[in-house]
């Protein structure tokens, strides 16, 4: 794709999505709607199994909401499109792994976008913050997600003060998974994506649905829903060819061939 704020590249079962809006990769309403379409297509394409989301250039992953566009009339409560801001954080039924490859400054809605991924990898020069407090607004999605992902007091300090974390501190608090030299970031993200793409897509779907739905449930209630196959993804898994293939491959001492059905 060219002449758009989003570029995509497909590598086998992996979709790479790059936010490319010079100078800072900020997201306006139009960009958010495009991202929603891209991630919806990813969700609904059975041949795509893993997505990587990153930013163009070496300085910015994404600073979040485009304040210049807002000054020109984009409403903060406008139409972000399917999936909400950035196309990910409210996209229903996204039961495939998503990797965020954070290549630089990741703040505000950009951090919320990264938090919408399942795994976050970061370049060693990446930095993270929620500076909304300084402009008199609230980091809404981060206020919900971050205190559940990292220690409460660290999350509240970030929300209350807008202070920055470098990649090392972000990793220490468990916000990100791994740090790599900037030159190696995409190679490592692709290596991980290829590993995931070689795995069982129906199991990934079950894991994501269980984790998502069980977040606000009591343990026993969630477990009962799993054992009674009351999650659609679990039911599909237990009735699938892949379920039989996994058992056969184990018995035959060979690598399984996953079909996602």
C-alpha atoms as a PDB file:
ATOM      1  CA  UNK A   1       0.000   0.000   0.000  1.00  0.00           C
ATOM      2  CA  UNK A   2       1.284   3.492  -0.820  1.00  0.00           C
ATOM      3  CA  UNK A   3       0.199   7.068  -0.249  1.00  0.00           C
ATOM      4  CA  UNK A   4      -1.649   6.084   2.914  1.00  0.00           C
ATOM      5  CA  UNK A   5      -0.765   6.540   6.602  1.00  0.00           C
ATOM      6  CA  UNK A   6      -0.630   2.759   6.967  1.00  0.00           C
ATOM      7  CA  UNK A   7       1.557   0.374   5.015  1.00  0.00           C
ATOM      8  CA  UNK A   8       1.118  -3.377   5.118  1.00  0.00           C
ATOM      9  CA  UNK A   9       3.276  -6.287   4.090  1.00  0.00           C
ATOM     10  CA  UNK A  10       2.375  -9.928   4.133  1.00  0.00           C
ATOM     11  CA  UNK A  11       4.999 -12.590   4.816  1.00  0.00           C
ATOM     12  CA  UNK A  12       3.397 -16.009   4.632  1.00  0.00           C
ATOM     13  CA  UNK A  13       0.901 -16.171   7.497  1.00  0.00           C
ATOM     14  CA  UNK A  14       2.228 -12.944   9.062  1.00  0.00           C
ATOM     15  CA  UNK A  15       0.873  -9.438   8.425  1.00  0.00           C
ATOM     16  CA  UNK A  16       3.128  -6.466   9.176  1.00  0.00           C
ATOM     17  CA  UNK A  17       1.312  -3.180   9.799  1.00  0.00           C
ATOM     18  CA  UNK A  18       3.395  -0.003   9.833  1.00  0.00           C
ATOM     19  CA  UNK A  19       2.074   3.360  10.979  1.00  0.00           C
ATOM     20  CA  UNK A  20       3.683   5.890   8.635  1.00  0.00           C
ATOM     21  CA  UNK A  21       2.547   9.496   9.222  1.00  0.00           C
ATOM     22  CA  UNK A  22       5.500  11.865   9.270  1.00  0.00           C
ATOM     23  CA  UNK A  23       6.735  13.437  11.354  1.00  0.00           C
ATOM     24  CA  UNK A  24       5.617  11.538  14.442  1.00  0.00           C
ATOM     25  CA  UNK A  25       3.177   8.768  13.408  1.00  0.00           C
ATOM     26  CA  UNK A  26       0.315  10.428  15.292  1.00  0.00           C
ATOM     27  CA  UNK A  27      -3.168   9.027  14.698  1.00  0.00           C
ATOM     28  CA  UNK A  28      -6.072  11.136  13.465  1.00  0.00           C
ATOM     29  CA  UNK A  29      -9.634   9.968  12.854  1.00  0.00           C
ATOM     30  CA  UNK A  30      -9.029   8.971   9.244  1.00  0.00           C
ATOM     31  CA  UNK A  31      -5.922   6.976  10.151  1.00  0.00           C
ATOM     32  CA  UNK A  32      -7.723   5.218  12.973  1.00  0.00           C
ATOM     33  CA  UNK A  33     -10.496   4.164  10.621  1.00  0.00           C
ATOM     34  CA  UNK A  34      -7.966   2.766   8.135  1.00  0.00           C
ATOM     35  CA  UNK A  35      -6.261   0.844  10.937  1.00  0.00           C
ATOM     36  CA  UNK A  36      -9.598  -0.591  11.969  1.00  0.00           C
ATOM     37  CA  UNK A  37     -10.176  -1.856   8.435  1.00  0.00           C
ATOM     38  CA  UNK A  38      -6.689  -3.362   8.286  1.00  0.00           C
ATOM     39  CA  UNK A  39      -7.021  -5.200  11.594  1.00  0.00           C
ATOM     40  CA  UNK A  40     -10.560  -6.329  10.781  1.00  0.00           C
ATOM     41  CA  UNK A  41      -9.299  -7.849   7.541  1.00  0.00           C
ATOM     42  CA  UNK A  42      -6.517  -9.517   9.522  1.00  0.00           C
ATOM     43  CA  UNK A  43      -9.022 -10.909  12.012  1.00  0.00           C
ATOM     44  CA  UNK A  44     -11.297 -12.293   9.312  1.00  0.00           C
ATOM     45  CA  UNK A  45      -8.666 -13.763   6.964  1.00  0.00           C
ATOM     46  CA  UNK A  46      -8.155 -17.426   7.923  1.00  0.00           C
ATOM     47  CA  UNK A  47      -4.791 -17.494   6.139  1.00  0.00           C
ATOM     48  CA  UNK A  48      -3.332 -14.756   8.363  1.00  0.00           C
ATOM     49  CA  UNK A  49      -2.269 -15.953  11.800  1.00  0.00           C
ATOM     50  CA  UNK A  50      -0.071 -13.272  13.404  1.00  0.00           C
ATOM     51  CA  UNK A  51       0.234  -9.487  13.089  1.00  0.00           C
ATOM     52  CA  UNK A  52       3.118  -7.157  13.871  1.00  0.00           C
ATOM     53  CA  UNK A  53       2.356  -3.473  14.415  1.00  0.00           C
ATOM     54  CA  UNK A  54       5.177  -0.940  14.365  1.00  0.00           C
ATOM     55  CA  UNK A  55       5.997   2.633  13.385  1.00  0.00           C
ATOM     56  CA  UNK A  56       7.987   3.982  10.468  1.00  0.00           C
ATOM     57  CA  UNK A  57      11.326   5.623  11.128  1.00  0.00           C
ATOM     58  CA  UNK A  58      13.611   5.364  14.130  1.00  0.00           C
ATOM     59  CA  UNK A  59      12.265   8.031  16.485  1.00  0.00           C
ATOM     60  CA  UNK A  60       8.540   7.436  16.939  1.00  0.00           C
ATOM     61  CA  UNK A  61       6.411   4.363  17.392  1.00  0.00           C
ATOM     62  CA  UNK A  62       3.357   6.518  17.986  1.00  0.00           C
ATOM     63  CA  UNK A  63       2.638   9.532  20.214  1.00  0.00           C
ATOM     64  CA  UNK A  64      -1.078   8.839  20.111  1.00  0.00           C
ATOM     65  CA  UNK A  65      -3.782  11.324  19.203  1.00  0.00           C
ATOM     66  CA  UNK A  66      -2.922  13.890  16.522  1.00  0.00           C
ATOM     67  CA  UNK A  67      -3.340  17.209  18.341  1.00  0.00           C
ATOM     68  CA  UNK A  68      -2.816  19.169  15.126  1.00  0.00           C
ATOM     69  CA  UNK A  69      -5.724  17.342  13.528  1.00  0.00           C
ATOM     70  CA  UNK A  70      -7.750  18.032  16.657  1.00  0.00           C
ATOM     71  CA  UNK A  71      -6.985  21.731  16.336  1.00  0.00           C
ATOM     72  CA  UNK A  72      -8.207  21.545  12.746  1.00  0.00           C
ATOM     73  CA  UNK A  73     -11.515  20.009  13.771  1.00  0.00           C
ATOM     74  CA  UNK A  74     -11.041  16.292  14.543  1.00  0.00           C
ATOM     75  CA  UNK A  75     -13.253  15.649  17.575  1.00  0.00           C
ATOM     76  CA  UNK A  76     -11.684  13.627  20.381  1.00  0.00           C
ATOM     77  CA  UNK A  77     -14.993  11.765  20.645  1.00  0.00           C
ATOM     78  CA  UNK A  78     -15.312  11.393  16.855  1.00  0.00           C
ATOM     79  CA  UNK A  79     -15.642   8.264  14.746  1.00  0.00           C
ATOM     80  CA  UNK A  80     -12.485   6.208  15.240  1.00  0.00           C
ATOM     81  CA  UNK A  81     -13.921   3.375  13.156  1.00  0.00           C
ATOM     82  CA  UNK A  82     -14.278  -0.316  13.877  1.00  0.00           C
ATOM     83  CA  UNK A  83     -11.942  -1.376  16.658  1.00  0.00           C
ATOM     84  CA  UNK A  84     -11.886   2.043  18.302  1.00  0.00           C
ATOM     85  CA  UNK A  85      -8.736   4.157  18.528  1.00  0.00           C
ATOM     86  CA  UNK A  86      -5.974   2.641  16.408  1.00  0.00           C
ATOM     87  CA  UNK A  87      -8.236  -0.190  15.277  1.00  0.00           C
ATOM     88  CA  UNK A  88      -7.170  -2.606  18.009  1.00  0.00           C
ATOM     89  CA  UNK A  89      -8.280  -1.746  21.503  1.00  0.00           C
ATOM     90  CA  UNK A  90     -12.010  -2.381  20.934  1.00  0.00           C
ATOM     91  CA  UNK A  91     -11.880  -4.850  18.054  1.00  0.00           C
ATOM     92  CA  UNK A  92     -14.198  -7.691  18.985  1.00  0.00           C
ATOM     93  CA  UNK A  93     -13.286 -11.305  18.427  1.00  0.00           C
ATOM     94  CA  UNK A  94      -9.619 -10.740  17.605  1.00  0.00           C
ATOM     95  CA  UNK A  95      -8.384 -14.202  18.537  1.00  0.00           C
ATOM     96  CA  UNK A  96      -4.981 -14.075  16.850  1.00  0.00           C
ATOM     97  CA  UNK A  97      -1.609 -13.043  18.326  1.00  0.00           C
ATOM     98  CA  UNK A  98      -0.536  -9.432  17.816  1.00  0.00           C
ATOM     99  CA  UNK A  99       3.034  -8.247  18.442  1.00  0.00           C
ATOM    100  CA  UNK A 100       3.885  -4.582  18.983  1.00  0.00           C
ATOM    101  CA  UNK A 101       7.421  -3.716  17.853  1.00  0.00           C
ATOM    102  CA  UNK A 102       8.027  -0.390  19.602  1.00  0.00           C
ATOM    103  CA  UNK A 103      10.733   1.397  17.643  1.00  0.00           C
ATOM    104  CA  UNK A 104      10.860   4.698  19.538  1.00  0.00           C
ATOM    105  CA  UNK A 105       8.661   7.120  21.473  1.00  0.00           C
ATOM    106  CA  UNK A 106       5.493   5.381  22.615  1.00  0.00           C
ATOM    107  CA  UNK A 107       3.182   7.625  24.581  1.00  0.00           C
ATOM    108  CA  UNK A 108      -0.451   8.528  25.135  1.00  0.00           C
ATOM    109  CA  UNK A 109      -2.665   6.707  22.670  1.00  0.00           C
ATOM    110  CA  UNK A 110       0.458   5.144  21.204  1.00  0.00           C
ATOM    111  CA  UNK A 111       1.066   3.360  24.490  1.00  0.00           C
ATOM    112  CA  UNK A 112      -2.600   2.366  24.539  1.00  0.00           C
ATOM    113  CA  UNK A 113      -2.118   0.914  21.055  1.00  0.00           C
ATOM    114  CA  UNK A 114       0.901  -1.084  22.229  1.00  0.00           C
ATOM    115  CA  UNK A 115      -1.037  -2.307  25.280  1.00  0.00           C
ATOM    116  CA  UNK A 116      -3.674  -3.662  22.884  1.00  0.00           C
ATOM    117  CA  UNK A 117      -1.088  -6.123  21.538  1.00  0.00           C
ATOM    118  CA  UNK A 118      -0.388  -9.457  23.195  1.00  0.00           C
ATOM    119  CA  UNK A 119       3.394  -9.173  23.230  1.00  0.00           C
ATOM    120  CA  UNK A 120       5.456  -5.960  23.280  1.00  0.00           C
ATOM    121  CA  UNK A 121       9.027  -5.858  22.005  1.00  0.00           C
ATOM    122  CA  UNK A 122      11.003  -2.626  22.215  1.00  0.00           C
ATOM    123  CA  UNK A 123      14.123  -1.057  20.781  1.00  0.00           C
ATOM    124  CA  UNK A 124      16.680  -0.120  23.415  1.00  0.00           C
ATOM    125  CA  UNK A 125      16.039   3.596  22.844  1.00  0.00           C
ATOM    126  CA  UNK A 126      12.237   3.318  23.166  1.00  0.00           C
ATOM    127  CA  UNK A 127      10.470   5.351  25.850  1.00  0.00           C
ATOM    128  CA  UNK A 128       6.996   5.252  27.337  1.00  0.00           C
ATOM    129  CA  UNK A 129       4.654   7.749  28.986  1.00  0.00           C
ATOM    130  CA  UNK A 130       1.063   8.855  29.496  1.00  0.00           C
ATOM    131  CA  UNK A 131       1.367  12.654  29.216  1.00  0.00           C
ATOM    132  CA  UNK A 132      -2.379  13.312  28.973  1.00  0.00           C
ATOM    133  CA  UNK A 133      -2.416  14.758  32.490  1.00  0.00           C
ATOM    134  CA  UNK A 134      -0.347  17.709  31.253  1.00  0.00           C
ATOM    135  CA  UNK A 135      -2.971  18.657  28.672  1.00  0.00           C
ATOM    136  CA  UNK A 136      -5.846  18.290  31.098  1.00  0.00           C
ATOM    137  CA  UNK A 137      -7.322  15.105  29.707  1.00  0.00           C
ATOM    138  CA  UNK A 138      -7.504  11.445  30.687  1.00  0.00           C
ATOM    139  CA  UNK A 139      -5.744   8.437  29.192  1.00  0.00           C
ATOM    140  CA  UNK A 140      -8.963   6.464  29.213  1.00  0.00           C
ATOM    141  CA  UNK A 141      -7.947   3.038  27.910  1.00  0.00           C
ATOM    142  CA  UNK A 142      -4.625   3.157  29.781  1.00  0.00           C
ATOM    143  CA  UNK A 143      -6.439   4.013  33.006  1.00  0.00           C
ATOM    144  CA  UNK A 144      -8.302   0.725  32.617  1.00  0.00           C
ATOM    145  CA  UNK A 145      -5.496  -1.479  31.334  1.00  0.00           C
ATOM    146  CA  UNK A 146      -2.240  -0.300  32.865  1.00  0.00           C
ATOM    147  CA  UNK A 147      -3.010  -0.916  36.578  1.00  0.00           C
ATOM    148  CA  UNK A 148      -3.835  -4.507  35.589  1.00  0.00           C
ATOM    149  CA  UNK A 149      -0.574  -4.985  33.687  1.00  0.00           C
ATOM    150  CA  UNK A 150       2.055  -3.465  35.977  1.00  0.00           C
ATOM    151  CA  UNK A 151       2.202  -2.687  39.716  1.00  0.00           C
ATOM    152  CA  UNK A 152      -0.655  -0.404  40.709  1.00  0.00           C
ATOM    153  CA  UNK A 153       1.523   2.289  42.231  1.00  0.00           C
ATOM    154  CA  UNK A 154       3.753   2.553  39.162  1.00  0.00           C
ATOM    155  CA  UNK A 155       0.736   2.779  36.885  1.00  0.00           C
ATOM    156  CA  UNK A 156      -0.827   5.488  39.026  1.00  0.00           C
ATOM    157  CA  UNK A 157       2.409   7.453  39.106  1.00  0.00           C
ATOM    158  CA  UNK A 158       2.519   7.378  35.305  1.00  0.00           C
ATOM    159  CA  UNK A 159      -1.124   8.424  35.035  1.00  0.00           C
ATOM    160  CA  UNK A 160      -0.867  11.169  37.687  1.00  0.00           C
ATOM    161  CA  UNK A 161       2.466  12.679  36.668  1.00  0.00           C
ATOM    162  CA  UNK A 162       3.027  11.781  33.019  1.00  0.00           C
ATOM    163  CA  UNK A 163       6.595  10.719  33.779  1.00  0.00           C
ATOM    164  CA  UNK A 164       8.612   8.797  31.211  1.00  0.00           C
ATOM    165  CA  UNK A 165       9.959   5.259  31.491  1.00  0.00           C
ATOM    166  CA  UNK A 166      12.905   4.114  29.415  1.00  0.00           C
ATOM    167  CA  UNK A 167      12.842   0.631  27.919  1.00  0.00           C
ATOM    168  CA  UNK A 168      14.831  -0.904  30.774  1.00  0.00           C
ATOM    169  CA  UNK A 169      12.415   0.351  33.436  1.00  0.00           C
ATOM    170  CA  UNK A 170       9.396  -0.609  31.344  1.00  0.00           C
ATOM    171  CA  UNK A 171      10.758  -4.144  31.127  1.00  0.00           C
ATOM    172  CA  UNK A 172      11.514  -4.195  34.854  1.00  0.00           C
ATOM    173  CA  UNK A 173       7.879  -3.469  35.666  1.00  0.00           C
ATOM    174  CA  UNK A 174       6.641  -6.030  33.153  1.00  0.00           C
ATOM    175  CA  UNK A 175       5.166  -3.553  30.667  1.00  0.00           C
ATOM    176  CA  UNK A 176       7.213  -4.987  27.797  1.00  0.00           C
ATOM    177  CA  UNK A 177       8.571  -8.442  27.067  1.00  0.00           C
ATOM    178  CA  UNK A 178      12.009  -7.906  25.557  1.00  0.00           C
ATOM    179  CA  UNK A 179      14.475  -5.165  24.597  1.00  0.00           C
ATOM    180  CA  UNK A 180      16.631  -5.342  21.475  1.00  0.00           C
ATOM    181  CA  UNK A 181      19.119  -3.074  19.736  1.00  0.00           C
ATOM    182  CA  UNK A 182      17.148  -0.895  17.340  1.00  0.00           C
ATOM    183  CA  UNK A 183      18.782  -2.512  14.309  1.00  0.00           C
ATOM    184  CA  UNK A 184      17.601  -5.944  15.467  1.00  0.00           C
ATOM    185  CA  UNK A 185      14.050  -5.100  16.555  1.00  0.00           C
ATOM    186  CA  UNK A 186      12.149  -6.055  13.402  1.00  0.00           C
ATOM    187  CA  UNK A 187      14.244  -9.158  12.807  1.00  0.00           C
ATOM    188  CA  UNK A 188      13.420 -10.339  16.329  1.00  0.00           C
ATOM    189  CA  UNK A 189       9.741  -9.451  15.909  1.00  0.00           C
ATOM    190  CA  UNK A 190       9.631 -11.429  12.670  1.00  0.00           C
ATOM    191  CA  UNK A 191      11.381 -14.375  14.276  1.00  0.00           C
ATOM    192  CA  UNK A 192       8.777 -14.439  17.042  1.00  0.00           C
ATOM    193  CA  UNK A 193       5.930 -13.954  14.574  1.00  0.00           C
ATOM    194  CA  UNK A 194       7.162 -16.871  12.463  1.00  0.00           C
ATOM    195  CA  UNK A 195       7.347 -19.047  15.567  1.00  0.00           C
ATOM    196  CA  UNK A 196       3.768 -18.163  16.479  1.00  0.00           C
ATOM    197  CA  UNK A 197       2.579 -18.587  12.894  1.00  0.00           C
ATOM    198  CA  UNK A 198       3.922 -22.153  12.939  1.00  0.00           C
ATOM    199  CA  UNK A 199       1.772 -22.939  15.976  1.00  0.00           C
ATOM    200  CA  UNK A 200      -1.862 -24.061  16.306  1.00  0.00           C
ATOM    201  CA  UNK A 201      -4.159 -21.131  15.425  1.00  0.00           C
ATOM    202  CA  UNK A 202      -7.230 -22.681  17.049  1.00  0.00           C
ATOM    203  CA  UNK A 203      -5.378 -23.014  20.344  1.00  0.00           C
ATOM    204  CA  UNK A 204      -4.299 -19.368  20.140  1.00  0.00           C
ATOM    205  CA  UNK A 205      -7.925 -18.421  19.544  1.00  0.00           C
ATOM    206  CA  UNK A 206      -9.020 -20.387  22.607  1.00  0.00           C
ATOM    207  CA  UNK A 207      -6.294 -18.840  24.753  1.00  0.00           C
ATOM    208  CA  UNK A 208      -7.198 -15.299  23.716  1.00  0.00           C
ATOM    209  CA  UNK A 209     -10.926 -15.774  24.240  1.00  0.00           C
ATOM    210  CA  UNK A 210     -10.428 -17.405  27.638  1.00  0.00           C
ATOM    211  CA  UNK A 211      -8.033 -14.712  28.841  1.00  0.00           C
ATOM    212  CA  UNK A 212     -10.288 -11.923  27.590  1.00  0.00           C
ATOM    213  CA  UNK A 213     -13.555 -13.291  28.947  1.00  0.00           C
ATOM    214  CA  UNK A 214     -12.131 -14.587  32.231  1.00  0.00           C
ATOM    215  CA  UNK A 215     -10.665 -11.220  33.205  1.00  0.00           C
ATOM    216  CA  UNK A 216     -13.800 -10.190  35.097  1.00  0.00           C
ATOM    217  CA  UNK A 217     -14.955 -13.670  36.116  1.00  0.00           C
ATOM    218  CA  UNK A 218     -14.372 -15.758  39.204  1.00  0.00           C
ATOM    219  CA  UNK A 219     -11.872 -18.564  38.669  1.00  0.00           C
ATOM    220  CA  UNK A 220     -14.344 -21.411  39.097  1.00  0.00           C
ATOM    221  CA  UNK A 221     -16.938 -19.754  36.857  1.00  0.00           C
ATOM    222  CA  UNK A 222     -14.370 -19.349  34.099  1.00  0.00           C
ATOM    223  CA  UNK A 223     -13.093 -22.901  34.522  1.00  0.00           C
ATOM    224  CA  UNK A 224     -16.635 -24.269  34.390  1.00  0.00           C
ATOM    225  CA  UNK A 225     -17.228 -22.457  31.102  1.00  0.00           C
ATOM    226  CA  UNK A 226     -14.055 -23.999  29.690  1.00  0.00           C
ATOM    227  CA  UNK A 227     -14.822 -27.566  30.788  1.00  0.00           C
ATOM    228  CA  UNK A 228     -18.395 -27.265  29.500  1.00  0.00           C
ATOM    229  CA  UNK A 229     -17.133 -25.895  26.153  1.00  0.00           C
ATOM    230  CA  UNK A 230     -19.121 -22.700  26.609  1.00  0.00           C
ATOM    231  CA  UNK A 231     -16.456 -20.646  24.881  1.00  0.00           C
ATOM    232  CA  UNK A 232     -17.003 -20.716  21.118  1.00  0.00           C
ATOM    233  CA  UNK A 233     -13.276 -20.999  20.420  1.00  0.00           C
ATOM    234  CA  UNK A 234     -12.863 -23.918  22.824  1.00  0.00           C
ATOM    235  CA  UNK A 235     -15.815 -25.725  21.259  1.00  0.00           C
ATOM    236  CA  UNK A 236     -14.322 -25.186  17.790  1.00  0.00           C
ATOM    237  CA  UNK A 237     -10.945 -26.471  18.971  1.00  0.00           C
ATOM    238  CA  UNK A 238     -12.298 -29.660  20.532  1.00  0.00           C
ATOM    239  CA  UNK A 239     -14.239 -30.487  17.358  1.00  0.00           C
ATOM    240  CA  UNK A 240     -11.415 -29.652  14.957  1.00  0.00           C
ATOM    241  CA  UNK A 241      -9.104 -31.581  12.672  1.00  0.00           C
ATOM    242  CA  UNK A 242      -6.208 -29.834  14.399  1.00  0.00           C
ATOM    243  CA  UNK A 243      -7.144 -31.416  17.740  1.00  0.00           C
ATOM    244  CA  UNK A 244      -6.803 -34.872  16.165  1.00  0.00           C
ATOM    245  CA  UNK A 245      -3.668 -33.831  14.279  1.00  0.00           C
ATOM    246  CA  UNK A 246      -1.976 -32.779  17.507  1.00  0.00           C
ATOM    247  CA  UNK A 247      -2.616 -36.158  19.112  1.00  0.00           C
ATOM    248  CA  UNK A 248      -1.549 -38.081  15.997  1.00  0.00           C
ATOM    249  CA  UNK A 249       1.638 -36.061  15.592  1.00  0.00           C
ATOM    250  CA  UNK A 250       2.569 -36.712  19.212  1.00  0.00           C
ATOM    251  CA  UNK A 251       1.916 -40.444  18.864  1.00  0.00           C
ATOM    252  CA  UNK A 252       3.853 -40.604  15.585  1.00  0.00           C
ATOM    253  CA  UNK A 253       6.718 -38.479  16.977  1.00  0.00           C
ATOM    254  CA  UNK A 254       6.544 -35.876  14.196  1.00  0.00           C
ATOM    255  CA  UNK A 255       5.839 -32.194  13.878  1.00  0.00           C
ATOM    256  CA  UNK A 256       2.118 -31.419  13.562  1.00  0.00           C
ATOM    257  CA  UNK A 257       0.726 -29.757  10.454  1.00  0.00           C
ATOM    258  CA  UNK A 258      -1.805 -27.178  11.622  1.00  0.00           C
ATOM    259  CA  UNK A 259      -4.647 -26.256   9.273  1.00  0.00           C
ATOM    260  CA  UNK A 260      -6.623 -23.966  11.566  1.00  0.00           C
ATOM    261  CA  UNK A 261      -9.748 -26.070  11.125  1.00  0.00           C
END
